[in-house]
Amino acid sequence: MKKMIIKGGNKLSGSITINGAKNSAVALLPAAILSDETVIIKNIPQITDIEVLEEIILLLNGKINKTDSSLEIDARNIKNAVIPENLSKKLRASYYFMGALLAKFKHVEISFPGGCNFGARQIDFHLQGFSSLGAIIKEENDKFIIDASSLQGTVIKLPFASVGATINIMLAATKAIGKTVIHNAAKEPEIINVAELLNNMGAKIIGAGTELIEIEGVKKLKSATIEVIPDRIEAGTYIIAGALMGEDLKITNINPQHLNALLETLKKMEVNFIINKNEIIINQANKIKPTYIRTAVYPGFPTDLAQPISVLLAKANGLSYIEETIYEKRMGHVEYLKKMGAKIDIENNLEKITGPTSFKGTEVQASDLRAGATLFLAALTSKEETTISNVEFILRGYEKIVKKLSSVGANIRIEEIK
């Protein structure tokens, strides 16, 4: 167990480079085992979720060759195996092995996936998709057993534009017989990234990034190379840090188009920034206008940034709102922000935030990945010391966070809890 200790109040000045997207990479690794040869994934984030996925690939008899920024997966001798609870429960994205193994072997056995607890995960949409393709699904002893004599292309209409379900169905359909059409598909950039890898391998997928995706099944997938897109959530978190404590803070290796919802929201809040191609320069905002934020599927405001931006809203002059529409349990940060001095009321999934707030340092606990990010943002603004426990949640999604923040002036360290 580890804890993060932050003595805030320092201005953040210098440059932070954004790594490959966690939410893309965690799908690209399972997708790679569909190849009958080798796959190279560049710009891999060095986070704990990737380490777990590597363990699962090794369990399946894959071979991995790593460098600092890339991963070569040799899938030539991949074998089917039961994915046990001690691995699957560590992250939600373990469920992508369902679609990949179902396509490759027509059989999957995997313990229930884990990850952050936000309530219902809509995994039923994944399972309904597999069922529509011809799979039979059983649940036994906290484990999914999925079988198919063959997978047949079909038309699938998702009740909700779920990123996970869209990718998982796309993986399963890649080697199905005939054409599969996904209606109401999610449009996130990460889906385009996964489809690009699959197409590089020889798949036939069109429409990724739109609400209608068509997959023509193929029999064989070959070697391919892909580069992970920049992490828009990591970028958004550090942009918010810049709005809180920045002094010409530069965030590089971003795709501004992927950040449009956040950047438009910051404009409404009268936060000033400059965009130069693939970088943004941002300074501390002195007068922040309160606003109403409603999370939505892409290209709407991302649910993964709703918690972090609550710190900035707490600094605004007046009453702000965050309406969470994706998950029903994404308020784990609130009690700790209140402990740090925030004035927040919750009605169902609506946060009412009254500012301005001067955060005070204290002992808090990360309840999930983005809640942890929210707490370290608040801690950066306090001149007192803040200790965040359960820091393992934060390390799941923010590569080299201590090095990055220290390099721009933050007083931050991680220690083992004795």
Foldseek 3Di string as FASTA:
>chain_A
DKKKKFQADAFFFDEFEFFFALVQVLLQLLLQLLALFKEKEFRDFPFVSVVLSVVVQVVQVWDWDDDPTMIMIGNNRGHADEAEPVRQQVAQSVCLNVLQCCQRPQKYKYAHHHAFDQDDPPCVLLVVLQVQQAWDWDDDPRMIIIGHPAGAADEAEGPEQDQSSLSSSLSNQQAGAAKHKYAQHFQAPSQVQNVVFQVQQPWDWPDRNHRIIMTGYDHHGHYGYGYGQGHLLLLLLVQLLQQARYDQYKYFRAQVVQNVQVVVVQVVQVFDWDDDHGMITGHHDDETAAEEAEDDGPPHHHPLCLLQCLLVNLQHAFKHKYAYDPGQRDCVLPVVQVVQPWDWDDDRRMIITTDPTQGEADEEEQSAQSSLSNVVSSSNRYSHMHMYPPCSRVSNGDHPVVVSRVVRPIDMDMDDDD
